[in-house]
């Protein structure tokens, strides 16, 4: 196994996967109502989405061909920007919906891309 550079494809994809799994851990087993009433969980989930968006932004800059293979990558980066800079615009129900409905597909794509990267080594 080779050592990853800070912005290698593998490192960025691993960061996305780790943050996505953390979201599932934080919100796992919760109902939407439970999520909406737990400020601590909401903040943790938002922070992990910020990490995902930042890793994707870096991926776009350093490895655009891989970035283009991720469905909704541009929208995820935009979502990250709202979370990081427009805290007063964040709709908690939307964050919950994305975590529940869109995150699993993103993680599947990232796992596939990581497997491809590993096969190249």
PDB file of N, CA and C in Angstrom:
ATOM      1  N   UNK A   1       0.855  -1.174   0.000  1.00  0.00           N
ATOM      2  CA  UNK A   1       0.000   0.000   0.000  1.00  0.00           C
ATOM      3  C   UNK A   1       0.898   1.234   0.000  1.00  0.00           C
ATOM      4  N   UNK A   2       0.610   2.168  -0.878  1.00  0.00           N
ATOM      5  CA  UNK A   2       1.433   3.373  -0.963  1.00  0.00           C
ATOM      6  C   UNK A   2       0.882   4.472  -0.062  1.00  0.00           C
ATOM      7  N   UNK A   3       1.746   5.404   0.259  1.00  0.00           N
ATOM      8  CA  UNK A   3       1.352   6.533   1.094  1.00  0.00           C
ATOM      9  C   UNK A   3       0.687   7.579   0.205  1.00  0.00           C
ATOM     10  N   UNK A   4      -0.421   8.116   0.652  1.00  0.00           N
ATOM     11  CA  UNK A   4      -1.158   9.117  -0.112  1.00  0.00           C
ATOM     12  C   UNK A   4      -0.600  10.505   0.146  1.00  0.00           C
ATOM     13  N   UNK A   5      -0.561  11.309  -0.910  1.00  0.00           N
ATOM     14  CA  UNK A   5      -0.237  12.716  -0.728  1.00  0.00           C
ATOM     15  C   UNK A   5      -1.505  13.426  -0.281  1.00  0.00           C
ATOM     16  N   UNK A   6      -1.387  14.621   0.299  1.00  0.00           N
ATOM     17  CA  UNK A   6      -2.568  15.286   0.858  1.00  0.00           C
ATOM     18  C   UNK A   6      -3.750  15.420  -0.108  1.00  0.00           C
ATOM     19  N   UNK A   7      -3.475  15.629  -1.379  1.00  0.00           N
ATOM     20  CA  UNK A   7      -4.580  15.815  -2.315  1.00  0.00           C
ATOM     21  C   UNK A   7      -4.609  14.743  -3.386  1.00  0.00           C
ATOM     22  N   UNK A   8      -4.132  13.559  -3.043  1.00  0.00           N
ATOM     23  CA  UNK A   8      -4.225  12.458  -3.996  1.00  0.00           C
ATOM     24  C   UNK A   8      -5.696  12.073  -4.140  1.00  0.00           C
ATOM     25  N   UNK A   9      -6.011  11.448  -5.247  1.00  0.00           N
ATOM     26  CA  UNK A   9      -7.386  10.995  -5.465  1.00  0.00           C
ATOM     27  C   UNK A   9      -7.827  10.106  -4.310  1.00  0.00           C
ATOM     28  N   UNK A  10      -6.995   9.148  -3.962  1.00  0.00           N
ATOM     29  CA  UNK A  10      -7.365   8.212  -2.893  1.00  0.00           C
ATOM     30  C   UNK A  10      -7.621   8.922  -1.576  1.00  0.00           C
ATOM     31  N   UNK A  11      -6.748   9.830  -1.206  1.00  0.00           N
ATOM     32  CA  UNK A  11      -6.897  10.545   0.072  1.00  0.00           C
ATOM     33  C   UNK A  11      -8.212  11.328   0.108  1.00  0.00           C
ATOM     34  N   UNK A  12      -8.502  12.033  -0.965  1.00  0.00           N
ATOM     35  CA  UNK A  12      -9.729  12.824  -1.006  1.00  0.00           C
ATOM     36  C   UNK A  12     -10.964  11.927  -0.963  1.00  0.00           C
ATOM     37  N   UNK A  13     -10.935  10.833  -1.705  1.00  0.00           N
ATOM     38  CA  UNK A  13     -12.063   9.902  -1.680  1.00  0.00           C
ATOM     39  C   UNK A  13     -12.210   9.256  -0.307  1.00  0.00           C
ATOM     40  N   UNK A  14     -11.094   8.932   0.327  1.00  0.00           N
ATOM     41  CA  UNK A  14     -11.145   8.377   1.680  1.00  0.00           C
ATOM     42  C   UNK A  14     -11.738   9.379   2.664  1.00  0.00           C
ATOM     43  N   UNK A  15     -11.407  10.659   2.504  1.00  0.00           N
ATOM     44  CA  UNK A  15     -11.981  11.695   3.365  1.00  0.00           C
ATOM     45  C   UNK A  15     -13.493  11.786   3.181  1.00  0.00           C
ATOM     46  N   UNK A  16     -13.937  11.712   1.927  1.00  0.00           N
ATOM     47  CA  UNK A  16     -15.377  11.759   1.638  1.00  0.00           C
ATOM     48  C   UNK A  16     -16.069  10.558   2.271  1.00  0.00           C
ATOM     49  N   UNK A  17     -15.491   9.387   2.081  1.00  0.00           N
ATOM     50  CA  UNK A  17     -16.087   8.174   2.636  1.00  0.00           C
ATOM     51  C   UNK A  17     -16.147   8.243   4.160  1.00  0.00           C
ATOM     52  N   UNK A  18     -15.066   8.650   4.788  1.00  0.00           N
ATOM     53  CA  UNK A  18     -15.041   8.738   6.256  1.00  0.00           C
ATOM     54  C   UNK A  18     -16.087   9.722   6.774  1.00  0.00           C
ATOM     55  N   UNK A  19     -16.202  10.869   6.125  1.00  0.00           N
ATOM     56  CA  UNK A  19     -17.192  11.860   6.557  1.00  0.00           C
ATOM     57  C   UNK A  19     -18.610  11.342   6.344  1.00  0.00           C
ATOM     58  N   UNK A  20     -18.846  10.675   5.239  1.00  0.00           N
ATOM     59  CA  UNK A  20     -20.168  10.109   4.984  1.00  0.00           C
ATOM     60  C   UNK A  20     -20.545   9.038   5.985  1.00  0.00           C
ATOM     61  N   UNK A  21     -19.590   8.192   6.311  1.00  0.00           N
ATOM     62  CA  UNK A  21     -19.847   7.168   7.323  1.00  0.00           C
ATOM     63  C   UNK A  21     -20.089   7.795   8.688  1.00  0.00           C
ATOM     64  N   UNK A  22     -19.392   8.885   8.977  1.00  0.00           N
ATOM     65  CA  UNK A  22     -19.619   9.592  10.240  1.00  0.00           C
ATOM     66  C   UNK A  22     -21.036  10.164  10.296  1.00  0.00           C
ATOM     67  N   UNK A  23     -21.509  10.687   9.177  1.00  0.00           N
ATOM     68  CA  UNK A  23     -22.892  11.192   9.131  1.00  0.00           C
ATOM     69  C   UNK A  23     -23.850  10.049   9.449  1.00  0.00           C
ATOM     70  N   UNK A  24     -23.640   8.920   8.819  1.00  0.00           N
ATOM     71  CA  UNK A  24     -24.526   7.785   9.076  1.00  0.00           C
ATOM     72  C   UNK A  24     -24.438   7.340  10.529  1.00  0.00           C
ATOM     73  N   UNK A  25     -23.259   7.423  11.117  1.00  0.00           N
ATOM     74  CA  UNK A  25     -23.107   7.073  12.526  1.00  0.00           C
ATOM     75  C   UNK A  25     -23.850   8.067  13.423  1.00  0.00           C
ATOM     76  N   UNK A  26     -23.664   9.349  13.167  1.00  0.00           N
ATOM     77  CA  UNK A  26     -24.299  10.386  14.000  1.00  0.00           C
ATOM     78  C   UNK A  26     -25.822  10.312  13.943  1.00  0.00           C
ATOM     79  N   UNK A  27     -26.355  10.120  12.744  1.00  0.00           N
ATOM     80  CA  UNK A  27     -27.803  10.179  12.556  1.00  0.00           C
ATOM     81  C   UNK A  27     -28.435   8.799  12.456  1.00  0.00           C
ATOM     82  N   UNK A  28     -27.623   7.767  12.491  1.00  0.00           N
ATOM     83  CA  UNK A  28     -28.133   6.409  12.344  1.00  0.00           C
ATOM     84  C   UNK A  28     -29.172   6.066  13.400  1.00  0.00           C
ATOM     85  N   UNK A  29     -30.267   5.526  12.941  1.00  0.00           N
ATOM     86  CA  UNK A  29     -31.318   5.123  13.856  1.00  0.00           C
ATOM     87  C   UNK A  29     -32.212   6.252  14.333  1.00  0.00           C
ATOM     88  N   UNK A  30     -31.899   7.468  13.933  1.00  0.00           N
ATOM     89  CA  UNK A  30     -32.730   8.605  14.350  1.00  0.00           C
ATOM     90  C   UNK A  30     -33.887   8.800  13.383  1.00  0.00           C
ATOM     91  N   UNK A  31     -34.947   9.312  13.889  1.00  0.00           N
ATOM     92  CA  UNK A  31     -36.041   9.763  13.028  1.00  0.00           C
ATOM     93  C   UNK A  31     -35.734  11.202  12.611  1.00  0.00           C
ATOM     94  N   UNK A  32     -36.461  11.683  11.648  1.00  0.00           N
ATOM     95  CA  UNK A  32     -36.290  13.086  11.249  1.00  0.00           C
ATOM     96  C   UNK A  32     -36.596  14.005  12.434  1.00  0.00           C
ATOM     97  N   UNK A  33     -37.636  13.684  13.177  1.00  0.00           N
ATOM     98  CA  UNK A  33     -37.994  14.512  14.331  1.00  0.00           C
ATOM     99  C   UNK A  33     -36.863  14.522  15.363  1.00  0.00           C
ATOM    100  N   UNK A  34     -36.258  13.381  15.598  1.00  0.00           N
ATOM    101  CA  UNK A  34     -35.138  13.312  16.521  1.00  0.00           C
ATOM    102  C   UNK A  34     -33.960  14.131  16.036  1.00  0.00           C
ATOM    103  N   UNK A  35     -33.698  14.050  14.736  1.00  0.00           N
ATOM    104  CA  UNK A  35     -32.621  14.840  14.143  1.00  0.00           C
ATOM    105  C   UNK A  35     -32.892  16.334  14.330  1.00  0.00           C
ATOM    106  N   UNK A  36     -34.109  16.736  14.048  1.00  0.00           N
ATOM    107  CA  UNK A  36     -34.457  18.158  14.119  1.00  0.00           C
ATOM    108  C   UNK A  36     -34.389  18.712  15.534  1.00  0.00           C
ATOM    109  N   UNK A  37     -34.550  17.868  16.528  1.00  0.00           N
ATOM    110  CA  UNK A  37     -34.514  18.356  17.910  1.00  0.00           C
ATOM    111  C   UNK A  37     -33.121  18.257  18.541  1.00  0.00           C
ATOM    112  N   UNK A  38     -32.164  17.643  17.841  1.00  0.00           N
ATOM    113  CA  UNK A  38     -30.824  17.499  18.405  1.00  0.00           C
ATOM    114  C   UNK A  38     -29.835  18.433  17.710  1.00  0.00           C
ATOM    115  N   UNK A  39     -29.607  19.563  18.333  1.00  0.00           N
ATOM    116  CA  UNK A  39     -28.688  20.545  17.766  1.00  0.00           C
ATOM    117  C   UNK A  39     -27.279  19.966  17.629  1.00  0.00           C
ATOM    118  N   UNK A  40     -26.871  19.169  18.585  1.00  0.00           N
ATOM    119  CA  UNK A  40     -25.535  18.574  18.551  1.00  0.00           C
ATOM    120  C   UNK A  40     -25.375  17.663  17.334  1.00  0.00           C
ATOM    121  N   UNK A  41     -26.347  16.822  17.086  1.00  0.00           N
ATOM    122  CA  UNK A  41     -26.282  15.925  15.923  1.00  0.00           C
ATOM    123  C   UNK A  41     -26.348  16.722  14.634  1.00  0.00           C
ATOM    124  N   UNK A  42     -27.228  17.716  14.573  1.00  0.00           N
ATOM    125  CA  UNK A  42     -27.316  18.539  13.361  1.00  0.00           C
ATOM    126  C   UNK A  42     -25.981  19.195  13.051  1.00  0.00           C
ATOM    127  N   UNK A  43     -25.342  19.751  14.060  1.00  0.00           N
ATOM    128  CA  UNK A  43     -24.046  20.413  13.849  1.00  0.00           C
ATOM    129  C   UNK A  43     -22.986  19.411  13.401  1.00  0.00           C
ATOM    130  N   UNK A  44     -22.994  18.228  13.994  1.00  0.00           N
ATOM    131  CA  UNK A  44     -22.019  17.201  13.606  1.00  0.00           C
ATOM    132  C   UNK A  44     -22.225  16.785  12.156  1.00  0.00           C
ATOM    133  N   UNK A  45     -23.464  16.588  11.767  1.00  0.00           N
ATOM    134  CA  UNK A  45     -23.781  16.197  10.388  1.00  0.00           C
ATOM    135  C   UNK A  45     -23.388  17.307   9.418  1.00  0.00           C
ATOM    136  N   UNK A  46     -23.712  18.532   9.757  1.00  0.00           N
ATOM    137  CA  UNK A  46     -23.346  19.659   8.893  1.00  0.00           C
ATOM    138  C   UNK A  46     -21.835  19.742   8.715  1.00  0.00           C
ATOM    139  N   UNK A  47     -21.085  19.550   9.785  1.00  0.00           N
ATOM    140  CA  UNK A  47     -19.618  19.609   9.690  1.00  0.00           C
ATOM    141  C   UNK A  47     -19.084  18.515   8.768  1.00  0.00           C
ATOM    142  N   UNK A  48     -19.633  17.328   8.861  1.00  0.00           N
ATOM    143  CA  UNK A  48     -19.182  16.241   7.990  1.00  0.00           C
ATOM    144  C   UNK A  48     -19.541  16.530   6.535  1.00  0.00           C
ATOM    145  N   UNK A  49     -20.702  17.144   6.296  1.00  0.00           N
ATOM    146  CA  UNK A  49     -21.039  17.542   4.928  1.00  0.00           C
ATOM    147  C   UNK A  49     -20.085  18.623   4.425  1.00  0.00           C
ATOM    148  N   UNK A  50     -19.651  19.511   5.309  1.00  0.00           N
ATOM    149  CA  UNK A  50     -18.655  20.514   4.913  1.00  0.00           C
ATOM    150  C   UNK A  50     -17.360  19.829   4.472  1.00  0.00           C
ATOM    151  N   UNK A  51     -16.943  18.809   5.191  1.00  0.00           N
ATOM    152  CA  UNK A  51     -15.738  18.072   4.825  1.00  0.00           C
ATOM    153  C   UNK A  51     -15.911  17.404   3.469  1.00  0.00           C
ATOM    154  N   UNK A  52     -17.052  16.787   3.250  1.00  0.00           N
ATOM    155  CA  UNK A  52     -17.322  16.153   1.954  1.00  0.00           C
ATOM    156  C   UNK A  52     -17.227  17.189   0.837  1.00  0.00           C
ATOM    157  N   UNK A  53     -17.877  18.330   1.024  1.00  0.00           N
ATOM    158  CA  UNK A  53     -17.866  19.376   0.000  1.00  0.00           C
ATOM    159  C   UNK A  53     -16.482  19.927  -0.252  1.00  0.00           C
ATOM    160  N   UNK A  54     -15.696  20.111   0.788  1.00  0.00           N
ATOM    161  CA  UNK A  54     -14.339  20.629   0.624  1.00  0.00           C
ATOM    162  C   UNK A  54     -13.455  19.606  -0.083  1.00  0.00           C
ATOM    163  N   UNK A  55     -13.592  18.344   0.273  1.00  0.00           N
ATOM    164  CA  UNK A  55     -12.814  17.302  -0.410  1.00  0.00           C
ATOM    165  C   UNK A  55     -13.187  17.252  -1.891  1.00  0.00           C
ATOM    166  N   UNK A  56     -14.462  17.416  -2.189  1.00  0.00           N
ATOM    167  CA  UNK A  56     -14.884  17.438  -3.594  1.00  0.00           C
ATOM    168  C   UNK A  56     -14.351  18.673  -4.316  1.00  0.00           C
ATOM    169  N   UNK A  57     -14.329  19.803  -3.634  1.00  0.00           N
ATOM    170  CA  UNK A  57     -13.772  21.014  -4.244  1.00  0.00           C
ATOM    171  C   UNK A  57     -12.308  20.795  -4.591  1.00  0.00           C
ATOM    172  N   UNK A  58     -11.567  20.185  -3.688  1.00  0.00           N
ATOM    173  CA  UNK A  58     -10.158  19.899  -3.936  1.00  0.00           C
ATOM    174  C   UNK A  58      -9.996  18.872  -5.053  1.00  0.00           C
ATOM    175  N   UNK A  59     -10.890  17.908  -5.092  1.00  0.00           N
ATOM    176  CA  UNK A  59     -10.864  16.905  -6.156  1.00  0.00           C
ATOM    177  C   UNK A  59     -11.095  17.564  -7.513  1.00  0.00           C
ATOM    178  N   UNK A  60     -12.010  18.511  -7.566  1.00  0.00           N
ATOM    179  CA  UNK A  60     -12.282  19.227  -8.817  1.00  0.00           C
ATOM    180  C   UNK A  60     -11.049  19.970  -9.300  1.00  0.00           C
ATOM    181  N   UNK A  61     -10.310  20.550  -8.364  1.00  0.00           N
ATOM    182  CA  UNK A  61      -9.129  21.336  -8.720  1.00  0.00           C
ATOM    183  C   UNK A  61      -7.959  20.451  -9.146  1.00  0.00           C
ATOM    184  N   UNK A  62      -7.794  19.321  -8.475  1.00  0.00           N
ATOM    185  CA  UNK A  62      -6.603  18.513  -8.731  1.00  0.00           C
ATOM    186  C   UNK A  62      -6.848  17.289  -9.614  1.00  0.00           C
ATOM    187  N   UNK A  63      -8.069  16.801  -9.652  1.00  0.00           N
ATOM    188  CA  UNK A  63      -8.395  15.598 -10.418  1.00  0.00           C
ATOM    189  C   UNK A  63      -9.797  15.741 -11.030  1.00  0.00           C
ATOM    190  N   UNK A  64      -9.945  16.683 -11.968  1.00  0.00           N
ATOM    191  CA  UNK A  64     -11.288  16.972 -12.495  1.00  0.00           C
ATOM    192  C   UNK A  64     -11.961  15.778 -13.165  1.00  0.00           C
ATOM    193  N   UNK A  65     -11.174  14.875 -13.731  1.00  0.00           N
ATOM    194  CA  UNK A  65     -11.774  13.709 -14.390  1.00  0.00           C
ATOM    195  C   UNK A  65     -12.505  12.827 -13.372  1.00  0.00           C
ATOM    196  N   UNK A  66     -11.972  12.700 -12.187  1.00  0.00           N
ATOM    197  CA  UNK A  66     -12.637  11.921 -11.140  1.00  0.00           C
ATOM    198  C   UNK A  66     -13.825  12.697 -10.579  1.00  0.00           C
ATOM    199  N   UNK A  67     -13.656  13.981 -10.375  1.00  0.00           N
ATOM    200  CA  UNK A  67     -14.747  14.836  -9.895  1.00  0.00           C
ATOM    201  C   UNK A  67     -15.976  14.694 -10.789  1.00  0.00           C
ATOM    202  N   UNK A  68     -15.761  14.701 -12.101  1.00  0.00           N
ATOM    203  CA  UNK A  68     -16.885  14.616 -13.047  1.00  0.00           C
ATOM    204  C   UNK A  68     -17.620  13.281 -12.978  1.00  0.00           C
ATOM    205  N   UNK A  69     -17.008  12.276 -12.394  1.00  0.00           N
ATOM    206  CA  UNK A  69     -17.641  10.964 -12.295  1.00  0.00           C
ATOM    207  C   UNK A  69     -18.555  10.840 -11.071  1.00  0.00           C
ATOM    208  N   UNK A  70     -18.600  11.869 -10.258  1.00  0.00           N
ATOM    209  CA  UNK A  70     -19.434  11.832  -9.053  1.00  0.00           C
ATOM    210  C   UNK A  70     -20.718  12.617  -9.311  1.00  0.00           C
ATOM    211  N   UNK A  71     -21.821  11.898  -9.249  1.00  0.00           N
ATOM    212  CA  UNK A  71     -23.130  12.503  -9.471  1.00  0.00           C
ATOM    213  C   UNK A  71     -23.366  13.611  -8.448  1.00  0.00           C
ATOM    214  N   UNK A  72     -23.834  14.725  -8.910  1.00  0.00           N
ATOM    215  CA  UNK A  72     -24.174  15.870  -8.055  1.00  0.00           C
ATOM    216  C   UNK A  72     -22.968  16.495  -7.359  1.00  0.00           C
ATOM    217  N   UNK A  73     -21.753  16.247  -7.848  1.00  0.00           N
ATOM    218  CA  UNK A  73     -20.557  16.788  -7.195  1.00  0.00           C
ATOM    219  C   UNK A  73     -20.612  18.312  -7.107  1.00  0.00           C
ATOM    220  N   UNK A  74     -20.991  18.968  -8.184  1.00  0.00           N
ATOM    221  CA  UNK A  74     -21.056  20.435  -8.179  1.00  0.00           C
ATOM    222  C   UNK A  74     -22.080  20.929  -7.164  1.00  0.00           C
ATOM    223  N   UNK A  75     -23.222  20.263  -7.094  1.00  0.00           N
ATOM    224  CA  UNK A  75     -24.258  20.651  -6.142  1.00  0.00           C
ATOM    225  C   UNK A  75     -23.797  20.421  -4.701  1.00  0.00           C
ATOM    226  N   UNK A  76     -23.016  19.371  -4.490  1.00  0.00           N
ATOM    227  CA  UNK A  76     -22.516  19.090  -3.138  1.00  0.00           C
ATOM    228  C   UNK A  76     -21.553  20.184  -2.690  1.00  0.00           C
ATOM    229  N   UNK A  77     -20.696  20.638  -3.592  1.00  0.00           N
ATOM    230  CA  UNK A  77     -19.785  21.736  -3.258  1.00  0.00           C
ATOM    231  C   UNK A  77     -20.590  23.000  -2.934  1.00  0.00           C
ATOM    232  N   UNK A  78     -21.626  23.270  -3.702  1.00  0.00           N
ATOM    233  CA  UNK A  78     -22.481  24.432  -3.426  1.00  0.00           C
ATOM    234  C   UNK A  78     -23.178  24.288  -2.075  1.00  0.00           C
ATOM    235  N   UNK A  79     -23.631  23.098  -1.767  1.00  0.00           N
ATOM    236  CA  UNK A  79     -24.265  22.805  -0.477  1.00  0.00           C
ATOM    237  C   UNK A  79     -23.282  23.065   0.658  1.00  0.00           C
ATOM    238  N   UNK A  80     -22.037  22.643   0.467  1.00  0.00           N
ATOM    239  CA  UNK A  80     -20.985  22.893   1.456  1.00  0.00           C
ATOM    240  C   UNK A  80     -20.816  24.384   1.701  1.00  0.00           C
ATOM    241  N   UNK A  81     -20.854  25.163   0.624  1.00  0.00           N
ATOM    242  CA  UNK A  81     -20.681  26.609   0.756  1.00  0.00           C
ATOM    243  C   UNK A  81     -21.806  27.241   1.565  1.00  0.00           C
ATOM    244  N   UNK A  82     -23.016  26.763   1.374  1.00  0.00           N
ATOM    245  CA  UNK A  82     -24.137  27.271   2.177  1.00  0.00           C
ATOM    246  C   UNK A  82     -23.933  26.900   3.641  1.00  0.00           C
ATOM    247  N   UNK A  83     -23.549  25.649   3.889  1.00  0.00           N
ATOM    248  CA  UNK A  83     -23.334  25.217   5.271  1.00  0.00           C
ATOM    249  C   UNK A  83     -22.239  26.036   5.951  1.00  0.00           C
ATOM    250  N   UNK A  84     -21.167  26.304   5.212  1.00  0.00           N
ATOM    251  CA  UNK A  84     -20.017  26.996   5.807  1.00  0.00           C
ATOM    252  C   UNK A  84     -20.215  28.498   5.914  1.00  0.00           C
ATOM    253  N   UNK A  85     -20.897  29.080   4.954  1.00  0.00           N
ATOM    254  CA  UNK A  85     -20.969  30.545   4.900  1.00  0.00           C
ATOM    255  C   UNK A  85     -22.374  31.120   5.068  1.00  0.00           C
ATOM    256  N   UNK A  86     -23.376  30.279   4.921  1.00  0.00           N
ATOM    257  CA  UNK A  86     -24.752  30.768   5.021  1.00  0.00           C
ATOM    258  C   UNK A  86     -25.505  30.058   6.116  1.00  0.00           C
ATOM    259  N   UNK A  87     -24.875  29.973   7.281  1.00  0.00           N
ATOM    260  CA  UNK A  87     -25.450  29.208   8.392  1.00  0.00           C
ATOM    261  C   UNK A  87     -26.910  29.559   8.653  1.00  0.00           C
ATOM    262  N   UNK A  88     -27.275  30.800   8.399  1.00  0.00           N
ATOM    263  CA  UNK A  88     -28.644  31.228   8.667  1.00  0.00           C
ATOM    264  C   UNK A  88     -29.614  30.800   7.571  1.00  0.00           C
ATOM    265  N   UNK A  89     -29.072  30.227   6.485  1.00  0.00           N
ATOM    266  CA  UNK A  89     -29.902  29.764   5.380  1.00  0.00           C
ATOM    267  C   UNK A  89     -30.109  28.253   5.397  1.00  0.00           C
ATOM    268  N   UNK A  90     -29.462  27.571   6.309  1.00  0.00           N
ATOM    269  CA  UNK A  90     -29.515  26.113   6.351  1.00  0.00           C
ATOM    270  C   UNK A  90     -30.914  25.652   6.743  1.00  0.00           C
ATOM    271  N   UNK A  91     -31.468  24.773   5.922  1.00  0.00           N
ATOM    272  CA  UNK A  91     -32.770  24.180   6.204  1.00  0.00           C
ATOM    273  C   UNK A  91     -32.525  22.775   6.739  1.00  0.00           C
ATOM    274  N   UNK A  92     -32.798  22.573   8.007  1.00  0.00           N
ATOM    275  CA  UNK A  92     -32.492  21.306   8.658  1.00  0.00           C
ATOM    276  C   UNK A  92     -33.190  20.115   7.994  1.00  0.00           C
ATOM    277  N   UNK A  93     -34.414  20.321   7.536  1.00  0.00           N
ATOM    278  CA  UNK A  93     -35.133  19.239   6.865  1.00  0.00           C
ATOM    279  C   UNK A  93     -34.425  18.836   5.571  1.00  0.00           C
ATOM    280  N   UNK A  94     -33.849  19.801   4.863  1.00  0.00           N
ATOM    281  CA  UNK A  94     -33.121  19.515   3.632  1.00  0.00           C
ATOM    282  C   UNK A  94     -31.855  18.722   3.930  1.00  0.00           C
ATOM    283  N   UNK A  95     -31.133  19.111   4.965  1.00  0.00           N
ATOM    284  CA  UNK A  95     -29.917  18.380   5.355  1.00  0.00           C
ATOM    285  C   UNK A  95     -30.281  16.940   5.680  1.00  0.00           C
ATOM    286  N   UNK A  96     -31.338  16.753   6.442  1.00  0.00           N
ATOM    287  CA  UNK A  96     -31.795  15.403   6.790  1.00  0.00           C
ATOM    288  C   UNK A  96     -32.131  14.608   5.531  1.00  0.00           C
ATOM    289  N   UNK A  97     -32.867  15.212   4.639  1.00  0.00           N
ATOM    290  CA  UNK A  97     -33.265  14.535   3.412  1.00  0.00           C
ATOM    291  C   UNK A  97     -32.046  14.107   2.587  1.00  0.00           C
ATOM    292  N   UNK A  98     -31.066  14.986   2.492  1.00  0.00           N
ATOM    293  CA  UNK A  98     -29.850  14.657   1.735  1.00  0.00           C
ATOM    294  C   UNK A  98     -29.108  13.506   2.412  1.00  0.00           C
ATOM    295  N   UNK A  99     -29.015  13.544   3.720  1.00  0.00           N
ATOM    296  CA  UNK A  99     -28.337  12.469   4.450  1.00  0.00           C
ATOM    297  C   UNK A  99     -29.046  11.130   4.241  1.00  0.00           C
ATOM    298  N   UNK A 100     -30.351  11.156   4.238  1.00  0.00           N
ATOM    299  CA  UNK A 100     -31.129   9.927   4.104  1.00  0.00           C
ATOM    300  C   UNK A 100     -31.223   9.425   2.661  1.00  0.00           C
ATOM    301  N   UNK A 101     -31.408  10.339   1.713  1.00  0.00           N
ATOM    302  CA  UNK A 101     -31.729   9.921   0.344  1.00  0.00           C
ATOM    303  C   UNK A 101     -30.558   9.972  -0.629  1.00  0.00           C
ATOM    304  N   UNK A 102     -29.661  10.900  -0.451  1.00  0.00           N
ATOM    305  CA  UNK A 102     -28.574  11.085  -1.433  1.00  0.00           C
ATOM    306  C   UNK A 102     -27.231  10.536  -0.975  1.00  0.00           C
ATOM    307  N   UNK A 103     -26.982  10.576   0.315  1.00  0.00           N
ATOM    308  CA  UNK A 103     -25.677  10.154   0.827  1.00  0.00           C
ATOM    309  C   UNK A 103     -25.338   8.704   0.491  1.00  0.00           C
ATOM    310  N   UNK A 104     -26.264   7.750   0.628  1.00  0.00           N
ATOM    311  CA  UNK A 104     -25.895   6.365   0.307  1.00  0.00           C
ATOM    312  C   UNK A 104     -25.376   6.197  -1.124  1.00  0.00           C
ATOM    313  N   UNK A 105     -25.989   6.873  -2.080  1.00  0.00           N
ATOM    314  CA  UNK A 105     -25.534   6.771  -3.470  1.00  0.00           C
ATOM    315  C   UNK A 105     -24.140   7.373  -3.639  1.00  0.00           C
ATOM    316  N   UNK A 106     -23.892   8.496  -2.971  1.00  0.00           N
ATOM    317  CA  UNK A 106     -22.564   9.110  -3.026  1.00  0.00           C
ATOM    318  C   UNK A 106     -21.523   8.144  -2.476  1.00  0.00           C
ATOM    319  N   UNK A 107     -21.808   7.529  -1.348  1.00  0.00           N
ATOM    320  CA  UNK A 107     -20.849   6.602  -0.750  1.00  0.00           C
ATOM    321  C   UNK A 107     -20.602   5.401  -1.650  1.00  0.00           C
ATOM    322  N   UNK A 108     -21.625   4.919  -2.334  1.00  0.00           N
ATOM    323  CA  UNK A 108     -21.432   3.823  -3.288  1.00  0.00           C
ATOM    324  C   UNK A 108     -20.499   4.251  -4.423  1.00  0.00           C
ATOM    325  N   UNK A 109     -20.710   5.445  -4.951  1.00  0.00           N
ATOM    326  CA  UNK A 109     -19.832   5.944  -6.021  1.00  0.00           C
ATOM    327  C   UNK A 109     -18.393   6.075  -5.534  1.00  0.00           C
ATOM    328  N   UNK A 110     -18.215   6.602  -4.347  1.00  0.00           N
ATOM    329  CA  UNK A 110     -16.874   6.792  -3.790  1.00  0.00           C
ATOM    330  C   UNK A 110     -16.196   5.445  -3.576  1.00  0.00           C
ATOM    331  N   UNK A 111     -16.923   4.472  -3.068  1.00  0.00           N
ATOM    332  CA  UNK A 111     -16.344   3.133  -2.883  1.00  0.00           C
ATOM    333  C   UNK A 111     -15.886   2.543  -4.219  1.00  0.00           C
ATOM    334  N   UNK A 112     -16.675   2.731  -5.255  1.00  0.00           N
ATOM    335  CA  UNK A 112     -16.309   2.245  -6.586  1.00  0.00           C
ATOM    336  C   UNK A 112     -15.037   2.923  -7.076  1.00  0.00           C
ATOM    337  N   UNK A 113     -14.975   4.238  -6.936  1.00  0.00           N
ATOM    338  CA  UNK A 113     -13.792   4.979  -7.373  1.00  0.00           C
ATOM    339  C   UNK A 113     -12.555   4.587  -6.563  1.00  0.00           C
ATOM    340  N   UNK A 114     -12.727   4.365  -5.277  1.00  0.00           N
ATOM    341  CA  UNK A 114     -11.607   3.924  -4.441  1.00  0.00           C
ATOM    342  C   UNK A 114     -11.111   2.547  -4.869  1.00  0.00           C
ATOM    343  N   UNK A 115     -12.025   1.658  -5.193  1.00  0.00           N
ATOM    344  CA  UNK A 115     -11.640   0.326  -5.651  1.00  0.00           C
ATOM    345  C   UNK A 115     -10.856   0.412  -6.953  1.00  0.00           C
ATOM    346  N   UNK A 116     -11.281   1.296  -7.842  1.00  0.00           N
ATOM    347  CA  UNK A 116     -10.545   1.508  -9.099  1.00  0.00           C
ATOM    348  C   UNK A 116      -9.153   2.034  -8.830  1.00  0.00           C
ATOM    349  N   UNK A 117      -9.046   2.980  -7.902  1.00  0.00           N
ATOM    350  CA  UNK A 117      -7.742   3.543  -7.539  1.00  0.00           C
ATOM    351  C   UNK A 117      -6.844   2.450  -6.953  1.00  0.00           C
ATOM    352  N   UNK A 118      -7.400   1.636  -6.100  1.00  0.00           N
ATOM    353  CA  UNK A 118      -6.636   0.555  -5.484  1.00  0.00           C
ATOM    354  C   UNK A 118      -6.156  -0.452  -6.547  1.00  0.00           C
ATOM    355  N   UNK A 119      -7.011  -0.732  -7.519  1.00  0.00           N
ATOM    356  CA  UNK A 119      -6.633  -1.664  -8.581  1.00  0.00           C
ATOM    357  C   UNK A 119      -5.488  -1.127  -9.444  1.00  0.00           C
ATOM    358  N   UNK A 120      -5.340   0.177  -9.512  1.00  0.00           N
ATOM    359  CA  UNK A 120      -4.257   0.787 -10.296  1.00  0.00           C
ATOM    360  C   UNK A 120      -2.906   0.687  -9.589  1.00  0.00           C
ATOM    361  N   UNK A 121      -2.925   0.478  -8.286  1.00  0.00           N
ATOM    362  CA  UNK A 121      -1.670   0.449  -7.523  1.00  0.00           C
ATOM    363  C   UNK A 121      -0.930  -0.829  -7.707  1.00  0.00           C
TER     364      UNK A 121
END
